[in-house]
Amino acid sequence: MTGLSREVLAELVAELGPRWQARQDARLADRPRRRAVGAGARYRLVFLDRLLATLVHLRHGVTHDVLACWFGVSRSTITRAVGEVRPLLAERGCTVDGGVRLRTLADVVAHLGASGRVGLLDATEVRVRRPAAHRAGRARFVSGKARANTVKALVITDAAGRLLFCGQTRPGAIHDLTQVRQAGLVELLARTPSVTLLADAGYQGLSTQTAGAVLTPRPARRKNQIPVFPAVAVAHEAERRAHSAKRIRVEHGIGHLKNWRALSRHLGRREHLDTMLPAVAGLVSSQERTPRPGQLHRPPKALPAGTAA
């Protein structure tokens, strides 16, 4: 139903349950009261159901009305539950080896610098509803590439395509280079040596600003350029293909994000994407780091007949 294993669900319950209860207690104690804390009607939707409703909403894009019918509560209860659990999921961050959590862009750059691994950089666009007519800034969300109203998010994965970061949302009309500069990635790379990020042709020019920390493919040759020797043209194209083969894994990570229906096309408020994207990225990261059942107890392969052991 959620695409998550039992191990990940158990981890979410153990980690988020106490935090959710602590926030509820702080909210009740942070105002003058006529009755003691705990008096009054009990919640009809316990935390486990609230977590499950939020996960189903993110995974399948189910409306709050359908979830309300499923759990036997009102629509406002589901809306309040999703609004409480989604920020908790967004605060988890992406999981890497050793159980370390990467919550900010600075954490990702520091992790890549300490481990010496190569990161993959790209941007993804989520389709959103068109802003109302005669509203200021309506054209900012029109993406020239997607030809639709979108919100753009920055995505960083490792060399295997496993998510390390997803966030820094901007309106769809903003260029990829502008988004990276506004996110402060150039300054972070300047302060952290030995970090290498592979990016596509949309980030050309960023390599010079980051002293070679961001690697982009060589520009494609145009038809009106001066002809070169065939061997030089073949080597040029081979270099472009090698860079693309290393960078393509980031598209796999973005594909795992878009498997969650709430991010394939967002029909809610655009400001909710600031917590939806990190929440889904953290869930996908946890699922990627969890070993599959077949990998835990896999029997050794039998050798062919006549082969010496």
Protein backbone atom coordinates (compact mmCIF):
# COMPACT_ATOMS: atom_id res chain seq x y z
CA MET A 1 0.00 0.00 0.00
CA THR A 2 2.83 2.42 0.78
CA GLY A 3 5.74 0.78 -1.06
CA LEU A 4 7.74 0.63 2.17
CA SER A 5 9.02 -2.46 3.90
CA ARG A 6 7.99 -3.47 7.39
CA GLU A 7 11.41 -2.52 8.71
CA VAL A 8 11.05 1.04 7.45
CA LEU A 9 7.49 1.33 8.82
CA ALA A 10 8.62 0.09 12.23
CA GLU A 11 11.47 2.61 12.19
CA LEU A 12 9.06 5.43 11.34
CA VAL A 13 6.69 4.51 14.17
CA ALA A 14 9.50 4.26 16.73
CA GLU A 15 11.14 7.49 15.61
CA LEU A 16 8.18 9.78 14.90
CA GLY A 17 5.72 8.58 17.53
CA PRO A 18 7.46 10.16 20.55
CA ARG A 19 8.19 13.35 18.61
CA TRP A 20 4.57 13.72 17.55
CA GLN A 21 3.36 13.13 21.13
CA ALA A 22 5.87 15.64 22.51
CA ARG A 23 4.64 18.31 20.09
CA GLN A 24 1.03 17.63 21.04
CA ASP A 25 1.83 17.93 24.74
CA ALA A 26 3.76 21.16 24.15
CA ARG A 27 0.87 22.59 22.15
CA LEU A 28 -1.62 21.81 24.90
CA ALA A 29 0.62 23.17 27.66
CA ASP A 30 1.50 26.36 25.80
CA ARG A 31 -1.72 28.21 26.60
CA PRO A 32 -3.85 28.96 29.66
CA ARG A 33 -6.27 26.12 30.34
CA ARG A 34 -9.43 25.65 32.37
CA ARG A 35 -9.06 21.88 32.43
CA ALA A 36 -6.09 19.62 32.99
CA VAL A 37 -4.09 18.31 30.06
CA GLY A 38 -5.69 15.10 28.84
CA ALA A 39 -9.26 16.01 29.65
CA GLY A 40 -11.96 15.98 27.01
CA ALA A 41 -12.59 13.70 24.05
CA ARG A 42 -9.93 11.28 22.88
CA TYR A 43 -8.48 11.21 19.37
CA ARG A 44 -10.43 8.89 17.09
CA LEU A 45 -7.37 8.68 14.85
CA VAL A 46 -4.33 7.37 16.71
CA PHE A 47 -0.80 8.20 15.61
CA LEU A 48 -0.33 4.94 13.69
CA ASP A 49 -3.41 5.68 11.59
CA ARG A 50 -2.27 9.26 11.08
CA LEU A 51 1.09 8.06 9.80
CA LEU A 52 -0.54 5.51 7.51
CA ALA A 53 -2.97 8.09 6.10
CA THR A 54 -0.06 10.45 5.36
CA LEU A 55 1.97 7.73 3.64
CA VAL A 56 -0.98 6.63 1.49
CA HIS A 57 -1.70 10.24 0.58
CA LEU A 58 1.91 10.78 -0.54
CA ARG A 59 2.22 7.46 -2.33
CA HIS A 60 -1.04 7.42 -4.29
CA GLY A 61 -2.19 11.04 -4.21
CA VAL A 62 -5.46 10.00 -2.59
CA THR A 63 -7.72 12.89 -1.67
CA HIS A 64 -8.52 13.64 1.93
CA ASP A 65 -12.19 12.78 1.34
CA VAL A 66 -11.30 9.21 0.34
CA LEU A 67 -8.99 8.80 3.33
CA ALA A 68 -11.72 10.14 5.61
CA CYS A 69 -14.13 7.47 4.36
CA TRP A 70 -11.47 4.82 4.74
CA PHE A 71 -10.66 5.65 8.38
CA GLY A 72 -14.20 6.65 9.34
CA VAL A 73 -13.40 10.21 10.37
CA SER A 74 -14.09 13.68 8.99
CA ARG A 75 -12.10 15.29 6.21
CA SER A 76 -10.75 17.98 8.54
CA THR A 77 -9.30 15.28 10.79
CA ILE A 78 -7.34 13.81 7.87
CA THR A 79 -6.18 17.28 6.80
CA ARG A 80 -4.97 18.03 10.31
CA ALA A 81 -3.25 14.62 10.58
CA VAL A 82 -1.38 15.03 7.29
CA GLY A 83 -0.36 18.55 8.27
CA GLU A 84 1.10 17.24 11.53
CA VAL A 85 2.96 14.17 10.22
CA ARG A 86 4.33 15.53 6.94
CA PRO A 87 6.72 18.05 8.61
CA LEU A 88 8.01 15.26 10.86
CA LEU A 89 8.80 13.16 7.79
CA ALA A 90 10.51 16.13 6.12
CA GLU A 91 12.79 16.66 9.12
CA ARG A 92 14.19 13.10 8.93
CA GLY A 93 16.48 13.78 5.99
CA CYS A 94 18.10 11.23 3.69
CA THR A 95 19.87 8.22 5.18
CA VAL A 96 23.41 7.22 4.18
CA ASP A 97 25.81 4.51 5.35
CA GLY A 98 26.11 4.19 9.09
CA GLY A 99 22.64 5.62 9.72
CA VAL A 100 23.82 9.22 9.22
CA ARG A 101 21.07 11.65 8.20
CA LEU A 102 21.64 14.43 5.67
CA ARG A 103 19.09 17.18 6.24
CA THR A 104 20.56 20.24 4.53
CA LEU A 105 22.60 21.02 1.45
CA ALA A 106 25.61 21.78 3.67
CA ASP A 107 25.36 18.28 5.18
CA VAL A 108 25.41 16.72 1.71
CA VAL A 109 28.49 18.69 0.60
CA ALA A 110 30.30 17.85 3.84
CA HIS A 111 29.42 14.16 3.46
CA LEU A 112 30.72 14.03 -0.12
CA GLY A 113 33.91 15.84 0.90
CA ALA A 114 34.56 13.51 3.84
CA SER A 115 33.81 10.29 1.96
CA GLY A 116 35.50 11.30 -1.30
CA ARG A 117 32.58 10.03 -3.37
CA VAL A 118 31.17 11.55 -6.53
CA GLY A 119 27.73 13.18 -6.43
CA LEU A 120 25.22 13.63 -9.24
CA LEU A 121 23.44 16.98 -9.59
CA ASP A 122 20.20 17.69 -11.43
CA ALA A 123 16.83 19.42 -11.09
CA THR A 124 13.32 18.02 -11.37
CA GLU A 125 10.04 19.76 -12.01
CA VAL A 126 6.69 18.97 -10.38
CA ARG A 127 3.54 20.08 -12.16
CA VAL A 128 1.32 22.31 -10.02
CA ARG A 129 -1.96 24.13 -10.42
CA ARG A 130 -1.93 27.36 -12.37
CA PRO A 131 -2.14 30.47 -10.15
CA ALA A 132 -5.35 32.45 -10.30
CA ALA A 133 -5.77 35.06 -13.02
CA HIS A 134 -4.70 38.66 -12.41
CA ARG A 135 -2.41 37.57 -9.56
CA ALA A 136 1.11 38.97 -9.28
CA GLY A 137 3.87 36.56 -10.28
CA ARG A 138 1.58 34.26 -12.22
CA ALA A 139 4.11 33.79 -15.05
CA ARG A 140 6.92 32.74 -12.67
CA PHE A 141 5.65 29.15 -12.57
CA VAL A 142 5.51 28.66 -16.35
CA SER A 143 8.38 26.36 -17.30
CA GLY A 144 9.86 26.92 -20.74
CA LYS A 145 11.03 23.29 -20.89
CA ALA A 146 7.92 21.51 -19.64
CA ARG A 147 5.47 24.01 -21.16
CA ALA A 148 3.43 23.84 -17.98
CA ASN A 149 3.14 25.37 -14.51
CA THR A 150 5.79 23.71 -12.40
CA VAL A 151 7.89 24.01 -9.26
CA LYS A 152 11.57 23.11 -9.62
CA ALA A 153 13.52 21.21 -6.96
CA LEU A 154 17.26 20.53 -6.63
CA VAL A 155 18.23 16.83 -6.48
CA ILE A 156 21.60 15.31 -5.51
CA THR A 157 22.31 11.58 -5.52
CA ASP A 158 25.39 9.42 -5.11
CA ALA A 159 27.06 7.59 -7.99
CA ALA A 160 24.58 4.70 -7.64
CA GLY A 161 21.56 7.00 -7.93
CA ARG A 162 20.56 6.84 -4.25
CA LEU A 163 19.06 10.07 -2.99
CA LEU A 164 21.12 12.41 -0.82
CA PHE A 165 19.09 15.62 -1.05
CA CYS A 166 15.89 17.00 -2.56
CA GLY A 167 14.68 20.51 -1.85
CA GLN A 168 15.40 24.20 -2.46
CA THR A 169 12.18 24.62 -4.43
CA ARG A 170 11.88 27.51 -6.88
CA PRO A 171 9.23 28.54 -9.45
CA GLY A 172 9.50 26.66 -12.74
CA ALA A 173 10.58 29.67 -14.81
CA ILE A 174 13.91 29.92 -12.95
CA HIS A 175 16.94 28.47 -14.75
CA ASP A 176 18.85 25.57 -13.24
CA LEU A 177 21.97 27.72 -12.80
CA THR A 178 20.00 30.42 -10.99
CA GLN A 179 18.51 27.85 -8.64
CA VAL A 180 21.93 26.46 -7.73
CA ARG A 181 23.35 29.92 -7.08
CA GLN A 182 20.39 30.95 -4.93
CA ALA A 183 20.71 27.73 -2.95
CA GLY A 184 24.28 28.68 -2.00
CA LEU A 185 25.90 25.61 -3.53
CA VAL A 186 28.73 27.63 -5.09
CA GLU A 187 29.79 29.02 -1.70
CA LEU A 188 29.53 25.58 -0.07
CA LEU A 189 31.77 24.00 -2.71
CA ALA A 190 34.31 26.80 -2.29
CA ARG A 191 34.58 26.05 1.44
CA THR A 192 34.72 22.26 1.03
CA PRO A 193 37.60 20.91 -1.10
CA SER A 194 37.75 17.54 -2.86
CA VAL A 195 34.04 17.49 -3.79
CA THR A 196 33.05 16.40 -7.30
CA LEU A 197 29.57 16.75 -8.77
CA LEU A 198 28.53 15.57 -12.22
CA ALA A 199 25.87 17.66 -13.95
CA ASP A 200 24.26 17.91 -17.38
CA ALA A 201 24.69 20.57 -20.04
CA GLY A 202 22.20 22.86 -18.31
CA TYR A 203 24.89 23.70 -15.73
CA GLN A 204 27.62 24.68 -18.19
CA GLY A 205 29.64 27.55 -16.79
CA LEU A 206 29.31 26.32 -13.20
CA SER A 207 32.61 24.46 -13.45
CA THR A 208 34.52 27.73 -13.75
CA GLN A 209 32.76 29.26 -10.73
CA THR A 210 33.42 26.20 -8.56
CA ALA A 211 37.06 25.65 -9.60
CA GLY A 212 36.22 22.37 -11.33
CA ALA A 213 34.09 20.90 -8.54
CA VAL A 214 31.09 20.62 -10.90
CA LEU A 215 31.85 18.69 -14.09
CA THR A 216 29.67 19.23 -17.14
CA PRO A 217 29.90 17.60 -20.59
CA ARG A 218 31.75 19.27 -23.41
CA PRO A 219 29.42 21.29 -25.67
CA ALA A 220 28.07 19.46 -28.67
CA ARG A 221 29.54 20.43 -31.97
CA ARG A 222 27.33 22.61 -34.15
CA LYS A 223 26.90 22.13 -37.87
CA ASN A 224 28.37 25.54 -38.72
CA GLN A 225 31.62 24.94 -36.83
CA ILE A 226 34.94 24.41 -38.58
CA PRO A 227 35.34 20.73 -39.60
CA VAL A 228 37.83 18.67 -37.62
CA PHE A 229 39.54 15.36 -38.20
CA PRO A 230 37.21 12.36 -37.86
CA ALA A 231 39.32 10.93 -35.03
CA VAL A 232 38.93 14.18 -33.05
CA ALA A 233 35.16 14.21 -33.60
CA VAL A 234 34.88 10.59 -32.50
CA ALA A 235 36.90 11.26 -29.35
CA HIS A 236 34.76 14.32 -28.61
CA GLU A 237 31.55 12.31 -28.90
CA ALA A 238 33.00 9.42 -26.86
CA GLU A 239 33.84 11.82 -24.04
CA ARG A 240 30.29 13.19 -24.06
CA ARG A 241 28.83 9.68 -23.97
CA ALA A 242 31.10 8.63 -21.09
CA HIS A 243 30.00 11.63 -19.04
CA SER A 244 26.34 10.89 -19.79
CA ALA A 245 26.76 7.24 -18.78
CA LYS A 246 28.11 8.28 -15.36
CA ARG A 247 25.49 10.97 -14.80
CA ILE A 248 22.39 9.04 -15.92
CA ARG A 249 21.97 7.46 -12.47
CA VAL A 250 20.55 10.70 -11.11
CA GLU A 251 17.58 10.20 -13.44
CA HIS A 252 16.92 6.89 -11.72
CA GLY A 253 16.78 8.64 -8.36
CA ILE A 254 14.35 11.22 -9.76
CA GLY A 255 12.26 8.37 -11.16
CA HIS A 256 11.97 6.85 -7.68
CA LEU A 257 10.70 10.21 -6.43
CA LYS A 258 8.09 10.47 -9.18
CA ASN A 259 6.78 6.99 -8.32
CA TRP A 260 5.07 8.74 -5.43
CA ARG A 261 1.88 10.05 -6.98
CA ALA A 262 1.83 13.26 -4.96
CA LEU A 263 5.00 14.39 -6.81
CA SER A 264 4.04 13.31 -10.32
CA ARG A 265 1.42 16.06 -10.37
CA HIS A 266 0.71 18.11 -7.26
CA LEU A 267 -2.88 19.28 -6.96
CA GLY A 268 -2.64 20.89 -3.52
CA ARG A 269 -1.07 24.11 -2.37
CA ARG A 270 2.31 24.90 -3.86
CA GLU A 271 3.83 25.85 -0.51
CA HIS A 272 3.28 22.27 0.73
CA LEU A 273 5.97 21.04 -1.69
CA ASP A 274 8.63 22.50 0.63
CA THR A 275 7.85 19.67 3.06
CA MET A 276 6.52 17.06 0.62
CA LEU A 277 9.73 16.76 -1.40
CA PRO A 278 12.08 16.22 1.59
CA ALA A 279 9.54 13.87 3.18
CA VAL A 280 9.32 11.63 0.12
CA ALA A 281 13.08 11.82 -0.43
CA GLY A 282 13.69 10.63 3.13
CA LEU A 283 11.25 7.74 2.71
CA VAL A 284 12.80 6.66 -0.59
CA SER A 285 16.28 6.92 0.92
CA SER A 286 15.31 4.74 3.88
CA GLN A 287 13.81 2.14 1.58
CA GLU A 288 16.92 2.13 -0.63
CA ARG A 289 19.19 1.53 2.35
CA THR A 290 17.08 -1.32 3.73
CA PRO A 291 18.28 -4.74 2.50
CA ARG A 292 15.67 -6.73 0.64
CA PRO A 293 14.43 -10.02 2.15
CA GLY A 294 16.05 -12.01 -0.65
CA GLN A 295 19.42 -10.41 0.09
CA LEU A 296 19.47 -11.37 3.77
CA HIS A 297 19.50 -15.16 3.36
CA ARG A 298 20.50 -15.82 -0.23
CA PRO A 299 21.83 -19.36 -0.79
CA PRO A 300 25.13 -19.66 -2.69
CA LYS A 301 24.88 -20.39 -6.39
CA ALA A 302 25.61 -23.96 -7.42
CA LEU A 303 28.66 -24.50 -9.59
CA PRO A 304 28.19 -26.05 -13.05
CA ALA A 305 28.74 -29.78 -13.37
CA GLY A 306 32.35 -30.71 -13.82
CA THR A 307 33.70 -27.47 -12.31
CA ALA A 308 36.25 -27.74 -9.53
CA ALA A 309 35.30 -26.05 -6.26
